[in-house]
C-alpha atoms as a PDB file:
ATOM      1  CA  MET A   1      24.621   3.614  -6.522  1.00  0.00           C
ATOM      2  CA  GLU A   2      24.921   2.774  -2.811  1.00  0.00           C
ATOM      3  CA  MET A   3      21.706   2.506  -0.590  1.00  0.00           C
ATOM      4  CA  ILE A   4      21.926   2.424   2.859  1.00  0.00           C
ATOM      5  CA  ALA A   5      20.151  -0.741   3.608  1.00  0.00           C
ATOM      6  CA  GLN A   6      17.854   0.671   6.537  1.00  0.00           C
ATOM      7  CA  THR A   7      16.595   3.526   4.631  1.00  0.00           C
ATOM      8  CA  ASN A   8      13.715   1.816   4.228  1.00  0.00           C
ATOM      9  CA  SER A   9      10.826   4.204   2.885  1.00  0.00           C
ATOM     10  CA  ASN A  10      13.021   4.354   0.211  1.00  0.00           C
ATOM     11  CA  THR A  11      10.476   4.195  -2.563  1.00  0.00           C
ATOM     12  CA  ALA A  12      12.578   0.908  -4.605  1.00  0.00           C
ATOM     13  CA  PHE A  13      10.777  -1.363  -2.237  1.00  0.00           C
ATOM     14  CA  GLN A  14       7.307  -0.576  -2.753  1.00  0.00           C
ATOM     15  CA  GLY A  15       6.519  -1.346  -6.494  1.00  0.00           C
ATOM     16  CA  PHE A  16       8.266  -3.370  -8.774  1.00  0.00           C
ATOM     17  CA  TYR A  17      10.957  -5.651  -8.710  1.00  0.00           C
ATOM     18  CA  ALA A  18      11.671  -7.097 -12.278  1.00  0.00           C
ATOM     19  CA  ILE A  19      13.692 -10.743 -12.464  1.00  0.00           C
ATOM     20  CA  LEU A  20      15.930 -11.524 -15.164  1.00  0.00           C
ATOM     21  CA  ASP A  21      16.335 -15.276 -15.127  1.00  0.00           C
ATOM     22  CA  THR A  22      17.945 -16.959 -17.650  1.00  0.00           C
ATOM     23  CA  GLY A  23      15.175 -19.918 -17.537  1.00  0.00           C
ATOM     24  CA  TYR A  24      13.376 -17.566 -19.842  1.00  0.00           C
ATOM     25  CA  ILE A  25      15.783 -14.967 -21.162  1.00  0.00           C
ATOM     26  CA  GLY A  26      18.394 -15.593 -24.305  1.00  0.00           C
ATOM     27  CA  ASP A  27      21.813 -14.031 -23.727  1.00  0.00           C
ATOM     28  CA  GLU A  28      21.100 -12.173 -27.087  1.00  0.00           C
ATOM     29  CA  GLN A  29      18.060 -10.540 -25.386  1.00  0.00           C
ATOM     30  CA  TRP A  30      19.219  -9.707 -22.530  1.00  0.00           C
ATOM     31  CA  GLU A  31      20.209  -5.330 -22.236  1.00  0.00           C
ATOM     32  CA  TYR A  32      16.972  -5.303 -24.470  1.00  0.00           C
ATOM     33  CA  THR A  33      14.600  -7.360 -21.966  1.00  0.00           C
ATOM     34  CA  ALA A  34      16.913  -4.895 -19.073  1.00  0.00           C
ATOM     35  CA  HIS A  35      15.999  -2.417 -20.973  1.00  0.00           C
ATOM     36  CA  ALA A  36      12.552  -2.916 -21.292  1.00  0.00           C
ATOM     37  CA  LEU A  37      11.238  -3.057 -17.539  1.00  0.00           C
ATOM     38  CA  LEU A  38      13.507  -0.348 -16.657  1.00  0.00           C
ATOM     39  CA  ALA A  39      12.105   1.613 -18.675  1.00  0.00           C
ATOM     40  CA  GLY A  40       8.581  -0.147 -17.753  1.00  0.00           C
ATOM     41  CA  GLY A  41       8.572   1.140 -14.101  1.00  0.00           C
ATOM     42  CA  ALA A  42      11.006  -1.762 -12.657  1.00  0.00           C
ATOM     43  CA  ARG A  43      12.549  -0.352  -8.722  1.00  0.00           C
ATOM     44  CA  LEU A  44      14.730  -2.884  -8.509  1.00  0.00           C
ATOM     45  CA  LEU A  45      16.472  -5.536 -11.304  1.00  0.00           C
ATOM     46  CA  GLN A  46      17.529  -9.002  -9.956  1.00  0.00           C
ATOM     47  CA  VAL A  47      19.866 -11.467 -11.933  1.00  0.00           C
ATOM     48  CA  ARG A  48      19.271 -14.897 -11.866  1.00  0.00           C
ATOM     49  CA  ALA A  49      21.217 -17.637 -13.806  1.00  0.00           C
ATOM     50  CA  LYS A  50      20.913 -20.858 -11.476  1.00  0.00           C
ATOM     51  CA  GLY A  51      23.232 -23.937 -12.474  1.00  0.00           C
ATOM     52  CA  HIS A  52      25.295 -20.876 -15.099  1.00  0.00           C
ATOM     53  CA  PRO A  53      28.874 -21.160 -14.393  1.00  0.00           C
ATOM     54  CA  LEU A  54      30.081 -17.984 -12.304  1.00  0.00           C
ATOM     55  CA  GLU A  55      31.901 -16.602 -14.089  1.00  0.00           C
ATOM     56  CA  SER A  56      29.359 -16.258 -17.266  1.00  0.00           C
ATOM     57  CA  THR A  57      27.073 -14.864 -14.356  1.00  0.00           C
ATOM     58  CA  ARG A  58      29.951 -12.745 -13.840  1.00  0.00           C
ATOM     59  CA  ASP A  59      29.430 -11.485 -17.595  1.00  0.00           C
ATOM     60  CA  LEU A  60      25.464 -11.101 -17.768  1.00  0.00           C
ATOM     61  CA  ILE A  61      25.327  -9.276 -14.204  1.00  0.00           C
ATOM     62  CA  GLU A  62      27.902  -6.530 -16.027  1.00  0.00           C
ATOM     63  CA  ARG A  63      26.338  -5.923 -18.887  1.00  0.00           C
ATOM     64  CA  ILE A  64      23.627  -5.043 -17.677  1.00  0.00           C
ATOM     65  CA  LEU A  65      25.115  -2.460 -15.241  1.00  0.00           C
ATOM     66  CA  PRO A  66      24.880   0.543 -17.899  1.00  0.00           C
ATOM     67  CA  VAL A  67      21.705  -0.532 -18.239  1.00  0.00           C
ATOM     68  CA  ALA A  68      20.543   0.331 -15.019  1.00  0.00           C
ATOM     69  CA  ARG A  69      22.782   3.057 -13.958  1.00  0.00           C
ATOM     70  CA  ASP A  70      20.898   4.671 -17.277  1.00  0.00           C
ATOM     71  CA  PHE A  71      17.520   4.436 -15.071  1.00  0.00           C
ATOM     72  CA  ASP A  72      19.475   5.179 -11.221  1.00  0.00           C
ATOM     73  CA  VAL A  73      18.421   1.399 -10.737  1.00  0.00           C
ATOM     74  CA  PRO A  74      20.310  -1.209  -8.031  1.00  0.00           C
ATOM     75  CA  VAL A  75      20.895  -4.561  -9.464  1.00  0.00           C
ATOM     76  CA  ILE A  76      20.748  -7.730  -7.249  1.00  0.00           C
ATOM     77  CA  VAL A  77      22.730 -10.648  -7.584  1.00  0.00           C
ATOM     78  CA  ASN A  78      20.392 -14.060  -6.536  1.00  0.00           C
ATOM     79  CA  ASP A  79      22.637 -16.165  -4.182  1.00  0.00           C
ATOM     80  CA  HIS A  80      26.381 -15.352  -5.127  1.00  0.00           C
ATOM     81  CA  LEU A  81      27.970 -13.792  -2.074  1.00  0.00           C
ATOM     82  CA  GLN A  82      31.542 -13.896  -3.887  1.00  0.00           C
ATOM     83  CA  LEU A  83      29.865 -11.990  -7.406  1.00  0.00           C
ATOM     84  CA  ALA A  84      28.240  -9.217  -5.300  1.00  0.00           C
ATOM     85  CA  ALA A  85      31.236  -8.338  -2.853  1.00  0.00           C
ATOM     86  CA  GLU A  86      32.966  -8.458  -6.578  1.00  0.00           C
ATOM     87  CA  ILE A  87      30.987  -6.316  -8.060  1.00  0.00           C
ATOM     88  CA  PRO A  88      30.428  -2.700  -7.029  1.00  0.00           C
ATOM     89  CA  GLY A  89      27.540  -2.082  -6.742  1.00  0.00           C
ATOM     90  CA  THR A  90      25.629  -4.371  -6.385  1.00  0.00           C
ATOM     91  CA  GLY A  91      23.344  -5.928  -3.778  1.00  0.00           C
ATOM     92  CA  LEU A  92      22.536  -9.631  -3.039  1.00  0.00           C
ATOM     93  CA  HIS A  93      19.144 -11.627  -2.885  1.00  0.00           C
ATOM     94  CA  LEU A  94      19.650 -14.798  -0.533  1.00  0.00           C
ATOM     95  CA  GLY A  95      17.054 -17.662  -0.161  1.00  0.00           C
ATOM     96  CA  GLN A  96      16.655 -20.197   3.292  1.00  0.00           C
ATOM     97  CA  ASP A  97      20.258 -22.132   2.539  1.00  0.00           C
ATOM     98  CA  ASP A  98      21.985 -19.494   0.215  1.00  0.00           C
ATOM     99  CA  GLY A  99      23.993 -18.705   2.848  1.00  0.00           C
ATOM    100  CA  SER A 100      24.325 -16.372   6.462  1.00  0.00           C
ATOM    101  CA  ILE A 101      23.126 -13.243   6.210  1.00  0.00           C
ATOM    102  CA  GLN A 102      24.784 -11.715   9.096  1.00  0.00           C
ATOM    103  CA  GLU A 103      28.130 -13.129   7.362  1.00  0.00           C
ATOM    104  CA  ALA A 104      26.416 -11.705   4.226  1.00  0.00           C
ATOM    105  CA  ARG A 105      25.975  -8.232   5.892  1.00  0.00           C
ATOM    106  CA  GLN A 106      29.466  -8.682   7.612  1.00  0.00           C
ATOM    107  CA  ILE A 107      31.532  -9.247   4.371  1.00  0.00           C
ATOM    108  CA  LEU A 108      29.215  -6.740   1.742  1.00  0.00           C
ATOM    109  CA  GLY A 109      29.655  -3.733   4.371  1.00  0.00           C
ATOM    110  CA  PRO A 110      26.764  -1.774   5.819  1.00  0.00           C
ATOM    111  CA  ASP A 111      26.096   0.489   2.845  1.00  0.00           C
ATOM    112  CA  ARG A 112      24.527  -2.319   0.192  1.00  0.00           C
ATOM    113  CA  ILE A 113      21.391  -3.673  -0.407  1.00  0.00           C
ATOM    114  CA  LEU A 114      20.476  -7.421   0.824  1.00  0.00           C
ATOM    115  CA  GLY A 115      17.571  -9.030   0.211  1.00  0.00           C
ATOM    116  CA  LEU A 116      16.104 -12.492   1.707  1.00  0.00           C
ATOM    117  CA  SER A 117      13.005 -15.200   0.694  1.00  0.00           C
ATOM    118  CA  THR A 118      10.807 -16.723   3.780  1.00  0.00           C
ATOM    119  CA  HIS A 119       7.957 -19.277   3.017  1.00  0.00           C
ATOM    120  CA  SER A 120       6.309 -18.711   6.191  1.00  0.00           C
ATOM    121  CA  LEU A 121       5.551 -16.641   8.893  1.00  0.00           C
ATOM    122  CA  ASP A 122       8.158 -18.125  11.283  1.00  0.00           C
ATOM    123  CA  GLN A 123      10.007 -17.633   7.689  1.00  0.00           C
ATOM    124  CA  ALA A 124       9.132 -13.757   7.901  1.00  0.00           C
ATOM    125  CA  ARG A 125       9.174 -13.057  11.520  1.00  0.00           C
ATOM    126  CA  GLU A 126      12.759 -14.237  11.557  1.00  0.00           C
ATOM    127  CA  ALA A 127      13.771 -11.772   8.621  1.00  0.00           C
ATOM    128  CA  LEU A 128      11.586  -9.092  10.771  1.00  0.00           C
ATOM    129  CA  ALA A 129      14.672  -9.772  13.606  1.00  0.00           C
ATOM    130  CA  MET A 130      16.713  -9.361  11.463  1.00  0.00           C
ATOM    131  CA  GLN A 131      16.039  -5.857  10.166  1.00  0.00           C
ATOM    132  CA  ASN A 132      18.593  -4.132  10.679  1.00  0.00           C
ATOM    133  CA  LEU A 133      20.857  -6.527   8.778  1.00  0.00           C
ATOM    134  CA  LEU A 134      17.861  -6.713   5.796  1.00  0.00           C
ATOM    135  CA  SER A 135      16.843  -3.967   3.524  1.00  0.00           C
ATOM    136  CA  TYR A 136      13.637  -6.126   2.730  1.00  0.00           C
ATOM    137  CA  PHE A 137      12.169  -9.412   2.099  1.00  0.00           C
ATOM    138  CA  ALA A 138       9.926 -11.843  -0.562  1.00  0.00           C
ATOM    139  CA  VAL A 139       6.947 -14.069   1.158  1.00  0.00           C
ATOM    140  CA  GLY A 140       6.450 -16.522  -1.333  1.00  0.00           C
ATOM    141  CA  PRO A 141       6.050 -17.792  -3.561  1.00  0.00           C
ATOM    142  CA  VAL A 142       2.072 -16.452  -3.326  1.00  0.00           C
ATOM    143  CA  PHE A 143       0.636 -18.945  -6.607  1.00  0.00           C
ATOM    144  CA  ALA A 144       1.507 -21.951  -8.432  1.00  0.00           C
ATOM    145  CA  THR A 145       4.548 -21.200 -10.640  1.00  0.00           C
ATOM    146  CA  ALA A 146       7.358 -22.590 -13.227  1.00  0.00           C
ATOM    147  CA  THR A 147      10.186 -20.979 -11.803  1.00  0.00           C
ATOM    148  CA  LYS A 148       9.986 -22.748  -8.426  1.00  0.00           C
ATOM    149  CA  PRO A 149       7.434 -26.115  -9.141  1.00  0.00           C
ATOM    150  CA  ASP A 150       9.001 -27.719  -5.873  1.00  0.00           C
ATOM    151  CA  TYR A 151       7.422 -24.925  -3.010  1.00  0.00           C
ATOM    152  CA  LEU A 152       4.283 -25.148  -2.507  1.00  0.00           C
ATOM    153  CA  PRO A 153       1.945 -22.029  -2.617  1.00  0.00           C
ATOM    154  CA  VAL A 154       1.810 -20.279   0.259  1.00  0.00           C
ATOM    155  CA  GLY A 155      -1.660 -17.945  -1.095  1.00  0.00           C
ATOM    156  CA  LEU A 156      -2.922 -14.670   0.058  1.00  0.00           C
ATOM    157  CA  LYS A 157      -3.228 -15.196   3.488  1.00  0.00           C
ATOM    158  CA  LEU A 158       0.276 -16.000   3.943  1.00  0.00           C
ATOM    159  CA  VAL A 159      -0.092 -11.709   2.557  1.00  0.00           C
ATOM    160  CA  ARG A 160      -2.196 -11.087   5.239  1.00  0.00           C
ATOM    161  CA  ASP A 161      -0.801 -12.987   7.885  1.00  0.00           C
ATOM    162  CA  VAL A 162       2.894 -10.442   7.076  1.00  0.00           C
ATOM    163  CA  LYS A 163       1.060  -7.673   6.370  1.00  0.00           C
ATOM    164  CA  ALA A 164      -0.595  -8.137  10.090  1.00  0.00           C
ATOM    165  CA  LEU A 165       2.698  -7.805  11.770  1.00  0.00           C
ATOM    166  CA  GLN A 166       3.021  -3.764  10.429  1.00  0.00           C
ATOM    167  CA  PRO A 167       6.643  -5.288   9.657  1.00  0.00           C
ATOM    168  CA  ALA A 168       8.949  -2.139   9.722  1.00  0.00           C
ATOM    169  CA  LEU A 169      10.659  -3.848   7.449  1.00  0.00           C
ATOM    170  CA  PRO A 170       9.458  -3.614   3.456  1.00  0.00           C
ATOM    171  CA  PHE A 171       8.711  -7.369   1.880  1.00  0.00           C
ATOM    172  CA  PHE A 172       7.681  -7.866  -1.278  1.00  0.00           C
ATOM    173  CA  CYS A 173       5.462 -10.589  -2.827  1.00  0.00           C
ATOM    174  CA  ILE A 174       6.791 -13.136  -4.971  1.00  0.00           C
ATOM    175  CA  GLY A 175       5.956 -16.267  -6.611  1.00  0.00           C
ATOM    176  CA  GLY A 176       2.848 -16.783 -10.063  1.00  0.00           C
ATOM    177  CA  ILE A 177       1.831 -13.098  -9.713  1.00  0.00           C
ATOM    178  CA  ASN A 178       0.541 -11.578 -12.626  1.00  0.00           C
ATOM    179  CA  ARG A 179      -1.504  -8.783 -14.319  1.00  0.00           C
ATOM    180  CA  ARG A 180      -4.012 -10.880 -13.514  1.00  0.00           C
ATOM    181  CA  ASN A 181      -4.290 -11.135 -10.397  1.00  0.00           C
ATOM    182  CA  VAL A 182      -1.305  -8.857  -9.087  1.00  0.00           C
ATOM    183  CA  ARG A 183      -4.588  -6.735  -7.774  1.00  0.00           C
ATOM    184  CA  GLU A 184      -5.724  -9.561  -5.067  1.00  0.00           C
ATOM    185  CA  VAL A 185      -2.031  -9.488  -3.591  1.00  0.00           C
ATOM    186  CA  LEU A 186      -1.779  -5.738  -3.481  1.00  0.00           C
ATOM    187  CA  GLU A 187      -4.886  -5.728  -1.986  1.00  0.00           C
ATOM    188  CA  ALA A 188      -4.212  -8.510   0.059  1.00  0.00           C
ATOM    189  CA  GLY A 189      -1.831  -6.243   1.850  1.00  0.00           C
ATOM    190  CA  ALA A 190       1.568  -6.318   0.048  1.00  0.00           C
ATOM    191  CA  THR A 191       3.204  -2.637  -1.186  1.00  0.00           C
ATOM    192  CA  GLY A 192       6.184  -4.170  -3.403  1.00  0.00           C
ATOM    193  CA  ILE A 193       5.445  -7.473  -6.425  1.00  0.00           C
ATOM    194  CA  VAL A 194       8.016  -9.365  -7.669  1.00  0.00           C
ATOM    195  CA  SER A 195       6.654 -10.251 -11.272  1.00  0.00           C
ATOM    196  CA  VAL A 196       9.004 -13.342 -13.757  1.00  0.00           C
ATOM    197  CA  SER A 197       7.264 -14.875 -16.393  1.00  0.00           C
ATOM    198  CA  ASP A 198       4.504 -12.261 -17.070  1.00  0.00           C
ATOM    199  CA  PRO A 199       6.252 -10.060 -17.835  1.00  0.00           C
ATOM    200  CA  LEU A 200       9.576 -11.369 -20.236  1.00  0.00           C
ATOM    201  CA  GLU A 201       7.346 -13.926 -21.800  1.00  0.00           C
ATOM    202  CA  ALA A 202       4.976 -10.997 -22.689  1.00  0.00           C
ATOM    203  CA  PRO A 203       4.805 -10.285 -26.841  1.00  0.00           C
ATOM    204  CA  ASP A 204       5.617  -7.127 -24.955  1.00  0.00           C
ATOM    205  CA  THR A 205       7.969  -6.749 -21.781  1.00  0.00           C
ATOM    206  CA  ARG A 206       7.999  -2.809 -21.650  1.00  0.00           C
ATOM    207  CA  GLY A 207       4.346  -2.842 -21.788  1.00  0.00           C
ATOM    208  CA  ALA A 208       3.960  -5.793 -19.429  1.00  0.00           C
ATOM    209  CA  ALA A 209       6.030  -3.914 -16.681  1.00  0.00           C
ATOM    210  CA  VAL A 210       4.531  -0.422 -17.400  1.00  0.00           C
ATOM    211  CA  GLU A 211       0.667  -2.469 -16.738  1.00  0.00           C
ATOM    212  CA  ILE A 212       1.765  -3.609 -13.480  1.00  0.00           C
ATOM    213  CA  ALA A 213       4.040  -0.742 -12.282  1.00  0.00           C
ATOM    214  CA  GLY A 214       0.904   0.819 -13.626  1.00  0.00           C
ATOM    215  CA  MET A 215      -1.336  -0.964 -10.867  1.00  0.00           C
ATOM    216  CA  ILE A 216       0.529  -1.502  -7.691  1.00  0.00           C
ATOM    217  CA  ALA A 217       1.142   2.441  -7.739  1.00  0.00           C
ATOM    218  CA  GLY A 218      -2.528   2.680  -8.449  1.00  0.00           C
ATOM    219  CA  VAL A 219      -3.429   0.533  -5.406  1.00  0.00           C
ATOM    220  CA  SER A 220      -0.555   2.690  -3.233  1.00  0.00           C
ATOM    221  CA  ARG A 221      -2.118   6.321  -4.137  1.00  0.00           C
ATOM    222  CA  SER A 222      -5.811   4.875  -3.175  1.00  0.00           C
END
């Protein structure tokens, strides 16, 4: 499942990026929800377990690896470089304050997926300056989100500004994105979308994922 960081044409970086977040999902629903997201069309799957002990997070990651393998979808570890380094085949996503991209790439090697959050045009430019190290970057939060309540939304203007840079590195838009507003984010220039709470809180997670993935594919073909 390992992927070359510089293989930016891979369709995994152009669709629906799902996040399994312990803030929304109980342990008993973990594998079921992972399967629903992947069956619905997610092309990347991140494990986010804020505040969980390291060993508990490791268990959550390892529990979904067989599910992701069945769909040939990479699993991305949120924040924990140590876990990504120790669990073969996983990628890593870091926030602005979660450590050095250079160190992460050195430890992970050249073939693992490595992503970075950005919240401004300057940070997006900094990510693009590290395109030899990164596989993708994320832009957000586009809208206000309960997942990141302390972050001010950056709005659609930043999406347009990043798109205007004609980035050689794939980027995902994240933050408050759902089936009601995903189309306007796509029309602003996004080719990859992260939607967290909408599919996880939906009565039919798989159905919500199908809708989101379908809207992304529809706009990219138009």
